Amino acid sequence: MFLDDRYMQDRRLATTLPARAGVGFKSQHFTDIIRSSPDIGFFEIHAENFMGAGGPPHAQLSRLRADYALSVHGVGLSIGGAEPLDSQHLERLKTLVDRYEPDSVSEHLAWASHGMNFLNDLLPVPYDTETLNSIVSNIQEIQEKLNRRILVENPATYLEFETSTFSEVEFLDEIARRTGCGLLLDVSNVHVSAVNHRFSADAYIDAFPVTLVEEVHLAGFSCDSDDLDQPLLIDTHSGPVAEEIWALYQRALSRIGPIATLIEWDNDMASWNMLHAQARRAEAMLAARRKIESQLLEGASAP
């Protein structure tokens, strides 16, 4: 399925998230959230944490959904895998999406299962034509099942394939153009991969098809080293957003404009106040970008 030019002119249809800062929802923060009613753009959940039928997770999520925009972020569909999608997993995702009618649904450009083996990681794919065709087919199946467009996120990677014939940016661009999906730009993943593979994160952002981007993620990472004692960054979501990520986010905003931005903090959890402070920093940067764009518009319209 290829999209005609008229459809391509209006890409921001996969999400109704506000162009504000949001955070990943964690149950330990629920009481603080309800008590303080924070002025926050949206909450995001990992789909796989809410695939049960009921219980406290859904009681909390239903309460949040009544007052806030919601993004559902999948980590287990394995859209880059060599095997067909898990139909039962996809059915559970559909049930969740139908129940909460989220403003956005997203998945990763990665694979995480093979046969009956399920891996607690998001693994890279070769950027070649065979893999492209398989992923395109999987995304089309997901979108048809959910009856909506999804967003696909650029990965953090620790190895590259010699068989790749596309760059990552080219691969994502082609996926979006062939399926109609939107893109989720994870700025932290760009930095992690850039350090690990010795390329320019700035150049990656400059080349990214920003007209296809509908959400941005920011997260912390951990530092390690490889067998050659070279820096190796790990996408752990286990700390505050680093200053180099904030700088890269600023560069992305200058190209994309104000956009829904998520703070991810999934491990070594912070207090609610610390997490909310990170969101407020992103919100301030979004407001500053709006002011710049307003001034540019006023200048362009002045006689």
C-alpha atoms as a PDB file:
ATOM      1  CA  MET A   1       0.000   0.000   0.000  1.00  0.00           C
ATOM      2  CA  PHE A   2       1.470   3.332  -1.066  1.00  0.00           C
ATOM      3  CA  LEU A   3       0.051   6.687  -0.052  1.00  0.00           C
ATOM      4  CA  ASP A   4      -0.844   9.363  -2.542  1.00  0.00           C
ATOM      5  CA  ASP A   5       0.610  12.852  -2.329  1.00  0.00           C
ATOM      6  CA  ARG A   6      -2.559  14.375  -0.880  1.00  0.00           C
ATOM      7  CA  TYR A   7      -2.463  12.027   2.103  1.00  0.00           C
ATOM      8  CA  MET A   8       1.236  12.640   2.632  1.00  0.00           C
ATOM      9  CA  GLN A   9       0.610  16.369   3.029  1.00  0.00           C
ATOM     10  CA  ASP A  10      -1.143  15.777   6.380  1.00  0.00           C
ATOM     11  CA  ARG A  11       0.786  13.270   8.424  1.00  0.00           C
ATOM     12  CA  ARG A  12      -0.218  14.039  12.003  1.00  0.00           C
ATOM     13  CA  LEU A  13      -3.209  11.763  12.069  1.00  0.00           C
ATOM     14  CA  ALA A  14      -1.970   8.817  14.133  1.00  0.00           C
ATOM     15  CA  THR A  15      -2.060  10.691  17.437  1.00  0.00           C
ATOM     16  CA  THR A  16      -4.262  13.214  19.181  1.00  0.00           C
ATOM     17  CA  LEU A  17      -1.759  13.766  21.971  1.00  0.00           C
ATOM     18  CA  PRO A  18      -1.306  17.425  22.908  1.00  0.00           C
ATOM     19  CA  ALA A  19       2.003  19.057  21.998  1.00  0.00           C
ATOM     20  CA  ARG A  20       3.031  18.991  25.631  1.00  0.00           C
ATOM     21  CA  ALA A  21       5.269  17.016  27.977  1.00  0.00           C
ATOM     22  CA  GLY A  22       4.071  13.747  29.473  1.00  0.00           C
ATOM     23  CA  VAL A  23       5.508  10.964  31.614  1.00  0.00           C
ATOM     24  CA  GLY A  24       5.371   7.206  31.796  1.00  0.00           C
ATOM     25  CA  PHE A  25       2.813   6.102  34.378  1.00  0.00           C
ATOM     26  CA  LYS A  26       4.047   3.977  37.279  1.00  0.00           C
ATOM     27  CA  SER A  27       1.680   2.615  39.922  1.00  0.00           C
ATOM     28  CA  GLN A  28       3.874   3.838  42.805  1.00  0.00           C
ATOM     29  CA  HIS A  29       3.164   7.399  41.689  1.00  0.00           C
ATOM     30  CA  PHE A  30      -0.620   6.987  41.550  1.00  0.00           C
ATOM     31  CA  THR A  31      -1.372   8.415  44.994  1.00  0.00           C
ATOM     32  CA  ASP A  32       0.836  11.468  44.397  1.00  0.00           C
ATOM     33  CA  ILE A  33      -0.790  12.052  41.019  1.00  0.00           C
ATOM     34  CA  ILE A  34      -4.335  11.861  42.357  1.00  0.00           C
ATOM     35  CA  ARG A  35      -3.474  14.038  45.348  1.00  0.00           C
ATOM     36  CA  SER A  36      -1.759  16.775  43.324  1.00  0.00           C
ATOM     37  CA  SER A  37      -3.723  16.687  40.029  1.00  0.00           C
ATOM     38  CA  PRO A  38      -0.613  17.776  38.099  1.00  0.00           C
ATOM     39  CA  ASP A  39      -0.852  19.971  35.029  1.00  0.00           C
ATOM     40  CA  ILE A  40       0.756  17.467  32.706  1.00  0.00           C
ATOM     41  CA  GLY A  41       0.174  16.781  29.033  1.00  0.00           C
ATOM     42  CA  PHE A  42      -0.358  13.015  29.043  1.00  0.00           C
ATOM     43  CA  PHE A  43       0.589   9.691  30.561  1.00  0.00           C
ATOM     44  CA  GLU A  44       2.066   6.743  28.706  1.00  0.00           C
ATOM     45  CA  ILE A  45       1.780   3.067  29.630  1.00  0.00           C
ATOM     46  CA  HIS A  46       3.508  -0.069  28.402  1.00  0.00           C
ATOM     47  CA  ALA A  47       0.751  -2.120  26.812  1.00  0.00           C
ATOM     48  CA  GLU A  48       2.010  -5.414  28.192  1.00  0.00           C
ATOM     49  CA  ASN A  49       1.533  -4.237  31.794  1.00  0.00           C
ATOM     50  CA  PHE A  50      -2.208  -3.827  31.253  1.00  0.00           C
ATOM     51  CA  MET A  51      -3.216  -6.913  29.293  1.00  0.00           C
ATOM     52  CA  GLY A  52      -4.961  -8.550  32.246  1.00  0.00           C
ATOM     53  CA  ALA A  53      -8.728  -8.230  32.536  1.00  0.00           C
ATOM     54  CA  GLY A  54      -8.958  -6.176  35.717  1.00  0.00           C
ATOM     55  CA  GLY A  55      -7.500  -5.533  39.145  1.00  0.00           C
ATOM     56  CA  PRO A  56      -5.646  -2.500  40.569  1.00  0.00           C
ATOM     57  CA  PRO A  57      -3.760  -1.683  37.320  1.00  0.00           C
ATOM     58  CA  HIS A  58      -6.989  -1.065  35.432  1.00  0.00           C
ATOM     59  CA  ALA A  59      -8.652   0.683  38.364  1.00  0.00           C
ATOM     60  CA  GLN A  60      -5.774   3.161  38.439  1.00  0.00           C
ATOM     61  CA  LEU A  61      -5.595   3.562  34.675  1.00  0.00           C
ATOM     62  CA  SER A  62      -9.339   4.164  34.382  1.00  0.00           C
ATOM     63  CA  ARG A  63      -9.047   6.940  36.950  1.00  0.00           C
ATOM     64  CA  LEU A  64      -6.164   8.561  35.068  1.00  0.00           C
ATOM     65  CA  ARG A  65      -7.818   8.197  31.672  1.00  0.00           C
ATOM     66  CA  ALA A  66     -10.808  10.187  32.895  1.00  0.00           C
ATOM     67  CA  ASP A  67      -8.618  13.285  33.281  1.00  0.00           C
ATOM     68  CA  TYR A  68      -5.589  12.889  31.007  1.00  0.00           C
ATOM     69  CA  ALA A  69      -4.572  12.052  27.472  1.00  0.00           C
ATOM     70  CA  LEU A  70      -3.114   8.548  27.140  1.00  0.00           C
ATOM     71  CA  SER A  71      -0.431   6.916  25.013  1.00  0.00           C
ATOM     72  CA  VAL A  72      -0.078   3.126  24.749  1.00  0.00           C
ATOM     73  CA  HIS A  73       3.473   1.995  24.011  1.00  0.00           C
ATOM     74  CA  GLY A  74       4.061  -1.641  23.074  1.00  0.00           C
ATOM     75  CA  VAL A  75       7.272  -3.552  23.702  1.00  0.00           C
ATOM     76  CA  GLY A  76       6.279  -7.110  22.811  1.00  0.00           C
ATOM     77  CA  LEU A  77       4.806  -7.346  19.311  1.00  0.00           C
ATOM     78  CA  SER A  78       8.240  -8.041  17.813  1.00  0.00           C
ATOM     79  CA  ILE A  79       7.399  -6.342  14.520  1.00  0.00           C
ATOM     80  CA  GLY A  80      10.951  -6.914  13.279  1.00  0.00           C
ATOM     81  CA  GLY A  81      10.894 -10.656  13.899  1.00  0.00           C
ATOM     82  CA  ALA A  82      11.256 -13.282  11.189  1.00  0.00           C
ATOM     83  CA  GLU A  83       8.035 -15.055  12.201  1.00  0.00           C
ATOM     84  CA  PRO A  84       4.379 -14.017  11.878  1.00  0.00           C
ATOM     85  CA  LEU A  85       2.996 -11.752  14.571  1.00  0.00           C
ATOM     86  CA  ASP A  86       1.630 -13.395  17.704  1.00  0.00           C
ATOM     87  CA  SER A  87      -2.105 -13.232  16.988  1.00  0.00           C
ATOM     88  CA  GLN A  88      -3.042 -13.665  20.649  1.00  0.00           C
ATOM     89  CA  HIS A  89      -0.771 -10.815  21.709  1.00  0.00           C
ATOM     90  CA  LEU A  90      -2.236  -8.612  18.987  1.00  0.00           C
ATOM     91  CA  GLU A  91      -5.756  -9.518  20.119  1.00  0.00           C
ATOM     92  CA  ARG A  92      -4.894  -8.521  23.687  1.00  0.00           C
ATOM     93  CA  LEU A  93      -3.518  -5.222  22.412  1.00  0.00           C
ATOM     94  CA  LYS A  94      -6.735  -4.598  20.489  1.00  0.00           C
ATOM     95  CA  THR A  95      -8.779  -5.269  23.633  1.00  0.00           C
ATOM     96  CA  LEU A  96      -6.687  -2.733  25.549  1.00  0.00           C
ATOM     97  CA  VAL A  97      -6.902  -0.128  22.792  1.00  0.00           C
ATOM     98  CA  ASP A  98     -10.660  -0.579  22.411  1.00  0.00           C
ATOM     99  CA  ARG A  99     -11.104  -0.254  26.163  1.00  0.00           C
ATOM    100  CA  TYR A 100      -9.205   2.999  26.654  1.00  0.00           C
ATOM    101  CA  GLU A 101      -9.245   4.584  23.182  1.00  0.00           C
ATOM    102  CA  PRO A 102      -5.757   6.065  23.679  1.00  0.00           C
ATOM    103  CA  ASP A 103      -4.549   9.151  21.864  1.00  0.00           C
ATOM    104  CA  SER A 104      -1.544   7.252  20.513  1.00  0.00           C
ATOM    105  CA  VAL A 105      -0.383   3.656  19.996  1.00  0.00           C
ATOM    106  CA  SER A 106       3.271   2.919  19.274  1.00  0.00           C
ATOM    107  CA  GLU A 107       5.762   0.068  18.901  1.00  0.00           C
ATOM    108  CA  HIS A 108       9.507  -0.403  18.413  1.00  0.00           C
ATOM    109  CA  LEU A 109      11.499  -1.132  15.285  1.00  0.00           C
ATOM    110  CA  ALA A 110      12.923  -4.294  16.839  1.00  0.00           C
ATOM    111  CA  TRP A 111      12.329  -7.959  17.534  1.00  0.00           C
ATOM    112  CA  ALA A 112      11.899  -9.553  20.952  1.00  0.00           C
ATOM    113  CA  SER A 113      10.749 -13.137  20.410  1.00  0.00           C
ATOM    114  CA  HIS A 114      11.449 -16.198  18.280  1.00  0.00           C
ATOM    115  CA  GLY A 115       9.468 -19.388  18.471  1.00  0.00           C
ATOM    116  CA  MET A 116       8.492 -19.816  22.101  1.00  0.00           C
ATOM    117  CA  ASN A 117      11.476 -17.816  23.318  1.00  0.00           C
ATOM    118  CA  PHE A 118      10.640 -14.355  24.648  1.00  0.00           C
ATOM    119  CA  LEU A 119      13.557 -12.029  25.274  1.00  0.00           C
ATOM    120  CA  ASN A 120      13.636  -9.233  27.813  1.00  0.00           C
ATOM    121  CA  ASP A 121      15.186  -6.875  25.293  1.00  0.00           C
ATOM    122  CA  LEU A 122      14.525  -5.071  22.020  1.00  0.00           C
ATOM    123  CA  LEU A 123      16.963  -6.385  19.436  1.00  0.00           C
ATOM    124  CA  PRO A 124      18.030  -4.720  16.154  1.00  0.00           C
ATOM    125  CA  VAL A 125      17.098  -5.750  12.633  1.00  0.00           C
ATOM    126  CA  PRO A 126      19.098  -5.645   9.390  1.00  0.00           C
ATOM    127  CA  TYR A 127      18.104  -2.717   7.213  1.00  0.00           C
ATOM    128  CA  ASP A 128      17.597  -4.633   3.968  1.00  0.00           C
ATOM    129  CA  THR A 129      14.748  -5.154   1.506  1.00  0.00           C
ATOM    130  CA  GLU A 130      13.649  -8.531   2.853  1.00  0.00           C
ATOM    131  CA  THR A 131      13.327  -7.202   6.392  1.00  0.00           C
ATOM    132  CA  LEU A 132      11.649  -4.037   5.136  1.00  0.00           C
ATOM    133  CA  ASN A 133       8.957  -6.012   3.332  1.00  0.00           C
ATOM    134  CA  SER A 134       8.333  -8.178   6.392  1.00  0.00           C
ATOM    135  CA  ILE A 135       8.036  -5.204   8.745  1.00  0.00           C
ATOM    136  CA  VAL A 136       5.759  -3.352   6.337  1.00  0.00           C
ATOM    137  CA  SER A 137       3.471  -6.393   6.247  1.00  0.00           C
ATOM    138  CA  ASN A 138       3.459  -6.637  10.047  1.00  0.00           C
ATOM    139  CA  ILE A 139       2.628  -2.961  10.527  1.00  0.00           C
ATOM    140  CA  GLN A 140      -0.181  -3.184   8.007  1.00  0.00           C
ATOM    141  CA  GLU A 141      -1.586  -6.179   9.890  1.00  0.00           C
ATOM    142  CA  ILE A 142      -1.418  -4.303  13.197  1.00  0.00           C
ATOM    143  CA  GLN A 143      -3.066  -1.193  11.781  1.00  0.00           C
ATOM    144  CA  GLU A 144      -5.839  -3.197  10.155  1.00  0.00           C
ATOM    145  CA  LYS A 145      -6.482  -5.082  13.399  1.00  0.00           C
ATOM    146  CA  LEU A 146      -6.550  -1.928  15.518  1.00  0.00           C
ATOM    147  CA  ASN A 147      -8.314   0.111  12.830  1.00  0.00           C
ATOM    148  CA  ARG A 148      -5.886   2.961  13.381  1.00  0.00           C
ATOM    149  CA  ARG A 149      -2.399   4.116  12.433  1.00  0.00           C
ATOM    150  CA  ILE A 150       0.430   3.482  14.862  1.00  0.00           C
ATOM    151  CA  LEU A 151       3.790   5.108  15.519  1.00  0.00           C
ATOM    152  CA  VAL A 152       7.081   3.246  15.072  1.00  0.00           C
ATOM    153  CA  GLU A 153      10.088   4.164  17.222  1.00  0.00           C
ATOM    154  CA  ASN A 154      13.739   4.289  16.185  1.00  0.00           C
ATOM    155  CA  PRO A 155      15.761   1.813  18.278  1.00  0.00           C
ATOM    156  CA  ALA A 156      18.811   2.084  20.500  1.00  0.00           C
ATOM    157  CA  THR A 157      21.309  -0.378  19.020  1.00  0.00           C
ATOM    158  CA  TYR A 158      24.532  -2.049  20.082  1.00  0.00           C
ATOM    159  CA  LEU A 159      25.496  -3.739  16.813  1.00  0.00           C
ATOM    160  CA  GLU A 160      25.005  -3.202  13.096  1.00  0.00           C
ATOM    161  CA  PHE A 161      24.499  -5.696  10.249  1.00  0.00           C
ATOM    162  CA  GLU A 162      26.905  -5.882   7.320  1.00  0.00           C
ATOM    163  CA  THR A 163      23.963  -6.907   5.119  1.00  0.00           C
ATOM    164  CA  SER A 164      22.123  -3.602   5.628  1.00  0.00           C
ATOM    165  CA  THR A 165      21.513  -1.683   2.412  1.00  0.00           C
ATOM    166  CA  PHE A 166      19.559   1.230   3.953  1.00  0.00           C
ATOM    167  CA  SER A 167      20.569   3.682   6.624  1.00  0.00           C
ATOM    168  CA  GLU A 168      18.313   3.627   9.680  1.00  0.00           C
ATOM    169  CA  VAL A 169      16.752   6.947   8.694  1.00  0.00           C
ATOM    170  CA  GLU A 170      16.081   5.719   5.146  1.00  0.00           C
ATOM    171  CA  PHE A 171      14.591   2.489   6.501  1.00  0.00           C
ATOM    172  CA  LEU A 172      12.197   4.270   8.855  1.00  0.00           C
ATOM    173  CA  ASP A 173      11.213   6.743   6.169  1.00  0.00           C
ATOM    174  CA  GLU A 174      10.371   3.930   3.751  1.00  0.00           C
ATOM    175  CA  ILE A 175       8.377   2.043   6.389  1.00  0.00           C
ATOM    176  CA  ALA A 176       6.274   5.112   7.118  1.00  0.00           C
ATOM    177  CA  ARG A 177       5.680   5.930   3.474  1.00  0.00           C
ATOM    178  CA  ARG A 178       4.647   2.383   2.613  1.00  0.00           C
ATOM    179  CA  THR A 179       2.355   1.790   5.596  1.00  0.00           C
ATOM    180  CA  GLY A 180       1.059   5.241   6.505  1.00  0.00           C
ATOM    181  CA  CYS A 181       2.330   4.843  10.068  1.00  0.00           C
ATOM    182  CA  GLY A 182       3.825   7.782  11.895  1.00  0.00           C
ATOM    183  CA  LEU A 183       7.250   7.889  13.517  1.00  0.00           C
ATOM    184  CA  LEU A 184       8.198   8.230  17.161  1.00  0.00           C
ATOM    185  CA  LEU A 185      11.577   9.929  17.451  1.00  0.00           C
ATOM    186  CA  ASP A 186      13.399   8.704  20.536  1.00  0.00           C
ATOM    187  CA  VAL A 187      16.101  11.348  20.940  1.00  0.00           C
ATOM    188  CA  SER A 188      17.880   9.356  23.641  1.00  0.00           C
ATOM    189  CA  ASN A 189      18.089   6.323  21.353  1.00  0.00           C
ATOM    190  CA  VAL A 190      19.705   8.511  18.708  1.00  0.00           C
ATOM    191  CA  HIS A 191      22.407   9.562  21.166  1.00  0.00           C
ATOM    192  CA  VAL A 192      22.974   6.014  22.445  1.00  0.00           C
ATOM    193  CA  SER A 193      23.332   4.588  18.934  1.00  0.00           C
ATOM    194  CA  ALA A 194      25.485   7.506  17.780  1.00  0.00           C
ATOM    195  CA  VAL A 195      28.013   6.948  20.562  1.00  0.00           C
ATOM    196  CA  ASN A 196      27.978   3.171  20.125  1.00  0.00           C
ATOM    197  CA  HIS A 197      28.452   3.289  16.343  1.00  0.00           C
ATOM    198  CA  ARG A 198      30.546   6.471  16.124  1.00  0.00           C
ATOM    199  CA  PHE A 199      28.222   8.594  13.998  1.00  0.00           C
ATOM    200  CA  SER A 200      26.930  12.144  14.423  1.00  0.00           C
ATOM    201  CA  ALA A 201      23.692  12.418  16.387  1.00  0.00           C
ATOM    202  CA  ASP A 202      23.238  15.945  15.029  1.00  0.00           C
ATOM    203  CA  ALA A 203      23.479  14.672  11.450  1.00  0.00           C
ATOM    204  CA  TYR A 204      20.940  11.937  12.238  1.00  0.00           C
ATOM    205  CA  ILE A 205      18.450  14.511  13.568  1.00  0.00           C
ATOM    206  CA  ASP A 206      19.083  16.761  10.576  1.00  0.00           C
ATOM    207  CA  ALA A 207      18.356  13.889   8.158  1.00  0.00           C
ATOM    208  CA  PHE A 208      15.309  12.514   9.977  1.00  0.00           C
ATOM    209  CA  PRO A 209      11.969  12.875   8.122  1.00  0.00           C
ATOM    210  CA  VAL A 210      10.459  15.250  10.659  1.00  0.00           C
ATOM    211  CA  THR A 211       7.168  15.636   8.779  1.00  0.00           C
ATOM    212  CA  LEU A 212       6.466  12.030   9.793  1.00  0.00           C
ATOM    213  CA  VAL A 213       7.252  12.503  13.510  1.00  0.00           C
ATOM    214  CA  GLU A 214       4.271  12.594  15.868  1.00  0.00           C
ATOM    215  CA  GLU A 215       5.851  11.987  19.277  1.00  0.00           C
ATOM    216  CA  VAL A 216       9.266  12.324  20.910  1.00  0.00           C
ATOM    217  CA  HIS A 217      10.816  10.328  23.768  1.00  0.00           C
ATOM    218  CA  LEU A 218      13.534  11.423  26.212  1.00  0.00           C
ATOM    219  CA  ALA A 219      15.197   9.105  28.724  1.00  0.00           C
ATOM    220  CA  GLY A 220      18.290   8.395  30.762  1.00  0.00           C
ATOM    221  CA  PHE A 221      20.992   5.905  29.841  1.00  0.00           C
ATOM    222  CA  SER A 222      23.866   4.032  31.484  1.00  0.00           C
ATOM    223  CA  CYS A 223      27.542   4.094  30.529  1.00  0.00           C
ATOM    224  CA  ASP A 224      29.660   0.982  30.043  1.00  0.00           C
ATOM    225  CA  SER A 225      32.544  -0.041  27.779  1.00  0.00           C
ATOM    226  CA  ASP A 226      33.016  -2.723  25.132  1.00  0.00           C
ATOM    227  CA  ASP A 227      35.797  -5.313  24.758  1.00  0.00           C
ATOM    228  CA  LEU A 228      38.039  -2.664  23.195  1.00  0.00           C
ATOM    229  CA  ASP A 229      37.435  -0.339  26.132  1.00  0.00           C
ATOM    230  CA  GLN A 230      35.404   1.998  23.923  1.00  0.00           C
ATOM    231  CA  PRO A 231      32.327   3.753  25.342  1.00  0.00           C
ATOM    232  CA  LEU A 232      29.156   1.679  25.211  1.00  0.00           C
ATOM    233  CA  LEU A 233      25.889   3.340  26.184  1.00  0.00           C
ATOM    234  CA  ILE A 234      22.916   1.268  27.335  1.00  0.00           C
ATOM    235  CA  ASP A 235      19.331   2.474  26.985  1.00  0.00           C
ATOM    236  CA  THR A 236      18.285   1.726  30.565  1.00  0.00           C
ATOM    237  CA  HIS A 237      15.720   4.476  31.299  1.00  0.00           C
ATOM    238  CA  SER A 238      17.230   4.511  34.766  1.00  0.00           C
ATOM    239  CA  GLY A 239      18.012   8.133  35.491  1.00  0.00           C
ATOM    240  CA  PRO A 240      17.335  11.740  34.569  1.00  0.00           C
ATOM    241  CA  VAL A 241      17.676  12.972  31.010  1.00  0.00           C
ATOM    242  CA  ALA A 242      21.339  13.848  30.411  1.00  0.00           C
ATOM    243  CA  GLU A 243      22.379  17.328  29.293  1.00  0.00           C
ATOM    244  CA  GLU A 244      23.526  16.066  25.891  1.00  0.00           C
ATOM    245  CA  ILE A 245      20.024  14.635  25.358  1.00  0.00           C
ATOM    246  CA  TRP A 246      18.422  17.961  26.235  1.00  0.00           C
ATOM    247  CA  ALA A 247      20.700  19.665  23.700  1.00  0.00           C
ATOM    248  CA  LEU A 248      19.770  17.129  21.019  1.00  0.00           C
ATOM    249  CA  TYR A 249      16.095  17.592  21.891  1.00  0.00           C
ATOM    250  CA  GLN A 250      16.497  21.333  21.363  1.00  0.00           C
ATOM    251  CA  ARG A 251      17.911  20.614  17.912  1.00  0.00           C
ATOM    252  CA  ALA A 252      14.993  18.302  17.145  1.00  0.00           C
ATOM    253  CA  LEU A 253      12.447  20.916  18.263  1.00  0.00           C
ATOM    254  CA  SER A 254      14.007  23.458  15.917  1.00  0.00           C
ATOM    255  CA  ARG A 255      13.110  21.118  13.038  1.00  0.00           C
ATOM    256  CA  ILE A 256       9.869  19.555  14.257  1.00  0.00           C
ATOM    257  CA  GLY A 257       8.303  22.327  16.299  1.00  0.00           C
ATOM    258  CA  PRO A 258       6.351  21.772  19.526  1.00  0.00           C
ATOM    259  CA  ILE A 259       5.326  18.115  19.787  1.00  0.00           C
ATOM    260  CA  ALA A 260       4.130  15.557  22.339  1.00  0.00           C
ATOM    261  CA  THR A 261       7.222  14.687  24.393  1.00  0.00           C
ATOM    262  CA  LEU A 262       7.512  11.822  26.860  1.00  0.00           C
ATOM    263  CA  ILE A 263       9.913  11.511  29.778  1.00  0.00           C
ATOM    264  CA  GLU A 264      10.724   7.808  30.214  1.00  0.00           C
ATOM    265  CA  TRP A 265      12.016   6.585  33.580  1.00  0.00           C
ATOM    266  CA  ASP A 266      11.383   2.852  33.958  1.00  0.00           C
ATOM    267  CA  ASN A 267      14.174   1.559  36.222  1.00  0.00           C
ATOM    268  CA  ASP A 268      15.689   2.776  39.515  1.00  0.00           C
ATOM    269  CA  MET A 269      12.516   4.784  39.803  1.00  0.00           C
ATOM    270  CA  ALA A 270      12.550   8.412  40.812  1.00  0.00           C
ATOM    271  CA  SER A 271      10.087  10.082  43.137  1.00  0.00           C
ATOM    272  CA  TRP A 272       7.044  11.659  41.539  1.00  0.00           C
ATOM    273  CA  ASN A 273       8.431  15.132  42.240  1.00  0.00           C
ATOM    274  CA  MET A 274      11.679  14.353  40.411  1.00  0.00           C
ATOM    275  CA  LEU A 275       9.887  12.814  37.430  1.00  0.00           C
ATOM    276  CA  HIS A 276       7.471  15.725  37.241  1.00  0.00           C
ATOM    277  CA  ALA A 277      10.405  18.163  37.342  1.00  0.00           C
ATOM    278  CA  GLN A 278      11.831  16.507  34.228  1.00  0.00           C
ATOM    279  CA  ALA A 279       8.489  16.941  32.479  1.00  0.00           C
ATOM    280  CA  ARG A 280       8.361  20.607  33.500  1.00  0.00           C
ATOM    281  CA  ARG A 281      11.786  21.156  31.950  1.00  0.00           C
ATOM    282  CA  ALA A 282      10.572  19.676  28.663  1.00  0.00           C
ATOM    283  CA  GLU A 283       7.401  21.779  28.931  1.00  0.00           C
ATOM    284  CA  ALA A 284       9.495  24.934  29.320  1.00  0.00           C
ATOM    285  CA  MET A 285      11.465  24.064  26.191  1.00  0.00           C
ATOM    286  CA  LEU A 286       8.238  23.480  24.273  1.00  0.00           C
ATOM    287  CA  ALA A 287       6.929  26.869  25.416  1.00  0.00           C
ATOM    288  CA  ALA A 288      10.165  28.557  24.364  1.00  0.00           C
ATOM    289  CA  ARG A 289       9.912  26.953  20.931  1.00  0.00           C
ATOM    290  CA  ARG A 290       6.319  28.162  20.552  1.00  0.00           C
ATOM    291  CA  LYS A 291       7.470  31.694  21.368  1.00  0.00           C
ATOM    292  CA  ILE A 292      10.244  31.525  18.760  1.00  0.00           C
ATOM    293  CA  GLU A 293       7.860  30.258  16.102  1.00  0.00           C
ATOM    294  CA  SER A 294       5.321  32.941  16.975  1.00  0.00           C
ATOM    295  CA  GLN A 295       7.991  35.626  16.613  1.00  0.00           C
ATOM    296  CA  LEU A 296       9.121  34.186  13.291  1.00  0.00           C
ATOM    297  CA  LEU A 297       5.533  34.175  12.055  1.00  0.00           C
ATOM    298  CA  GLU A 298       5.009  37.769  13.147  1.00  0.00           C
ATOM    299  CA  GLY A 299       8.218  38.800  11.420  1.00  0.00           C
ATOM    300  CA  ALA A 300       7.241  37.047   8.213  1.00  0.00           C
ATOM    301  CA  SER A 301       3.827  38.735   8.139  1.00  0.00           C
ATOM    302  CA  ALA A 302       5.096  42.233   8.949  1.00  0.00           C
ATOM    303  CA  PRO A 303       4.943  44.708   6.020  1.00  0.00           C
END
